[in-house]
Amino acid sequence: MSIETVAYASGLFDGEGCIQIVKYTSSSSRSKSKIYGLQVTVNMASFSPPEFLKKYFGGSIIKRKKINIRQTYNWQIYGMKAMFFLKSIYPYSLVKKEQIENAIEFQEHMEAFKKVFPKMGRRTTLPIEIIEHRETLFKKAKILKHNFH
């Protein structure tokens, strides 16, 4: 992938992108454990930029239309693919570096946990230190996003 391609993707993301560490409660487990994940999106009125991002980085595009508002196209990518995207654009990002750093730290934590505990399923209760670290990164992502706007 060329430097120009990655730099363009970084510009799109700096202008129209969003990083979220999502959290929800598992409905399938008895313990009602919290599940966390990394989500990266770019939402635009034009189809071409999200299509460009999908071509080079994967993910999916969702068409959205609200009443009395023109249609938008939302490019979405999750987990490891999101981390690859963020690591790729990081050197060219001018405004969202801190958010990118937090997201990369979060996903690296998730992947390290999978390597240490490869057989733990979603129904397993996580050690409190793991939950606390994920919650800390989740809260930091919210603060960084809020401070950005």
Protein backbone atom coordinates (compact mmCIF):
# COMPACT_ATOMS: atom_id res chain seq x y z
CA MET A 1 0.00 0.00 0.00
CA SER A 2 1.42 3.38 -0.96
CA ILE A 3 2.20 6.22 1.43
CA GLU A 4 -0.31 8.36 -0.45
CA THR A 5 -3.08 5.81 0.11
CA VAL A 6 -2.39 5.61 3.85
CA ALA A 7 -2.01 9.39 4.19
CA TYR A 8 -5.33 9.92 2.39
CA ALA A 9 -7.01 7.37 4.68
CA SER A 10 -5.55 9.18 7.68
CA GLY A 11 -6.94 12.51 6.46
CA LEU A 12 -10.38 10.97 5.96
CA PHE A 13 -10.26 9.51 9.42
CA ASP A 14 -8.97 12.68 11.11
CA GLY A 15 -11.83 14.62 9.52
CA GLU A 16 -14.75 12.20 9.63
CA GLY A 17 -13.68 9.20 11.70
CA CYS A 18 -14.68 7.91 15.08
CA ILE A 19 -13.08 5.43 17.48
CA GLN A 20 -15.26 3.65 19.97
CA ILE A 21 -14.49 1.09 22.60
CA VAL A 22 -17.92 -0.46 22.88
CA LYS A 23 -19.21 -2.21 25.97
CA TYR A 24 -22.30 -4.29 26.44
CA THR A 25 -23.56 -6.86 28.89
CA SER A 26 -23.65 -10.43 27.68
CA SER A 27 -27.17 -11.78 27.69
CA SER A 28 -26.03 -15.37 27.22
CA SER A 29 -23.99 -15.79 30.39
CA ARG A 30 -25.26 -16.31 33.90
CA SER A 31 -22.76 -13.80 35.25
CA LYS A 32 -23.95 -11.00 32.94
CA SER A 33 -20.33 -10.21 32.16
CA LYS A 34 -19.23 -7.10 30.29
CA ILE A 35 -17.98 -7.56 26.75
CA TYR A 36 -15.70 -4.93 25.19
CA GLY A 37 -14.65 -4.38 21.59
CA LEU A 38 -12.92 -1.88 19.31
CA GLN A 39 -14.92 -0.21 16.55
CA VAL A 40 -13.68 2.34 14.01
CA THR A 41 -16.07 4.20 11.70
CA VAL A 42 -16.06 6.89 9.03
CA ASN A 43 -19.44 8.40 8.13
CA MET A 44 -19.81 10.47 4.96
CA ALA A 45 -22.45 11.73 2.53
CA SER A 46 -20.38 10.58 -0.46
CA PHE A 47 -19.98 6.86 -1.16
CA SER A 48 -16.48 7.09 -2.68
CA PRO A 49 -14.40 7.65 0.49
CA PRO A 50 -15.96 4.78 2.48
CA GLU A 51 -15.61 2.57 -0.61
CA PHE A 52 -11.92 3.53 -0.78
CA LEU A 53 -11.44 2.58 2.89
CA LYS A 54 -13.20 -0.75 2.40
CA LYS A 55 -11.07 -1.53 -0.65
CA TYR A 56 -7.77 -0.97 1.16
CA PHE A 57 -8.58 -1.91 4.77
CA GLY A 58 -11.61 -4.21 4.65
CA GLY A 59 -14.65 -3.71 6.83
CA SER A 60 -18.18 -3.00 5.70
CA ILE A 61 -20.33 -0.08 4.55
CA ILE A 62 -23.80 0.60 5.87
CA LYS A 63 -26.18 3.00 4.14
CA ARG A 64 -28.07 5.23 6.54
CA LYS A 65 -30.97 7.54 5.82
CA LYS A 66 -32.90 9.53 8.38
CA ILE A 67 -36.11 11.38 7.62
CA ASN A 68 -35.40 14.77 6.00
CA ILE A 69 -31.65 14.11 6.02
CA ARG A 70 -29.70 12.91 3.02
CA GLN A 71 -28.30 9.43 2.90
CA THR A 72 -24.90 8.75 4.45
CA TYR A 73 -22.45 5.88 4.15
CA ASN A 74 -20.86 4.49 7.28
CA TRP A 75 -17.64 2.46 6.91
CA GLN A 76 -17.07 0.18 9.90
CA ILE A 77 -14.20 -2.03 10.96
CA TYR A 78 -13.63 -3.95 14.19
CA GLY A 79 -11.01 -5.62 16.36
CA MET A 80 -7.70 -6.60 14.79
CA LYS A 81 -8.58 -5.10 11.41
CA ALA A 82 -9.37 -1.82 13.17
CA MET A 83 -6.03 -1.95 14.96
CA PHE A 84 -4.19 -2.60 11.67
CA PHE A 85 -5.96 0.40 10.15
CA LEU A 86 -5.14 2.64 13.13
CA LYS A 87 -1.48 1.55 13.21
CA SER A 88 -1.23 2.25 9.48
CA ILE A 89 -2.62 5.79 9.67
CA TYR A 90 -1.06 6.77 13.00
CA PRO A 91 2.10 8.41 11.56
CA TYR A 92 -0.05 10.68 9.38
CA SER A 93 -2.73 11.58 11.90
CA LEU A 94 -2.69 15.20 13.01
CA VAL A 95 -5.65 15.43 15.36
CA LYS A 96 -6.58 12.00 16.73
CA LYS A 97 -3.23 10.59 17.81
CA GLU A 98 -4.20 10.21 21.48
CA GLN A 99 -7.43 8.43 20.58
CA ILE A 100 -5.52 6.12 18.23
CA GLU A 101 -2.92 5.35 20.91
CA ASN A 102 -5.63 4.44 23.42
CA ALA A 103 -7.43 2.23 20.89
CA ILE A 104 -4.23 0.41 19.96
CA GLU A 105 -3.42 -0.15 23.64
CA PHE A 106 -6.93 -1.53 24.14
CA GLN A 107 -6.77 -3.95 21.21
CA GLU A 108 -3.25 -5.10 22.09
CA HIS A 109 -4.53 -5.82 25.60
CA MET A 110 -7.40 -7.85 24.12
CA GLU A 111 -5.05 -9.84 21.90
CA ALA A 112 -2.52 -10.46 24.69
CA PHE A 113 -5.32 -11.79 26.88
CA LYS A 114 -6.39 -14.21 24.13
CA LYS A 115 -2.83 -15.55 23.90
CA VAL A 116 -2.50 -16.03 27.66
CA PHE A 117 -5.98 -17.54 28.09
CA PRO A 118 -6.76 -19.09 24.69
CA LYS A 119 -9.47 -21.46 25.91
CA MET A 120 -11.52 -19.01 27.96
CA GLY A 121 -14.94 -18.61 26.40
CA ARG A 122 -17.44 -15.79 26.69
CA ARG A 123 -19.09 -17.53 29.62
CA THR A 124 -15.96 -17.42 31.74
CA THR A 125 -15.75 -14.76 34.42
CA LEU A 126 -12.67 -12.63 33.82
CA PRO A 127 -10.16 -11.71 36.53
CA ILE A 128 -11.04 -8.37 38.13
CA GLU A 129 -7.71 -6.82 37.00
CA ILE A 130 -8.60 -7.53 33.37
CA ILE A 131 -12.07 -6.03 33.73
CA GLU A 132 -10.68 -2.95 35.48
CA HIS A 133 -8.05 -2.37 32.79
CA ARG A 134 -10.63 -2.66 30.01
CA GLU A 135 -12.96 -0.31 31.87
CA THR A 136 -10.14 2.22 32.31
CA LEU A 137 -9.40 2.21 28.57
CA PHE A 138 -13.14 2.38 27.80
CA LYS A 139 -13.54 5.47 30.01
CA LYS A 140 -10.39 7.08 28.60
CA ALA A 141 -11.76 6.64 25.06
CA LYS A 142 -14.97 8.42 26.07
CA ILE A 143 -13.02 11.30 27.65
CA LEU A 144 -10.71 11.68 24.64
CA LYS A 145 -13.67 11.68 22.26
CA HIS A 146 -15.54 14.24 24.39
CA ASN A 147 -12.47 16.50 24.71
CA PHE A 148 -11.92 16.32 20.94
CA HIS A 149 -15.29 17.86 20.09
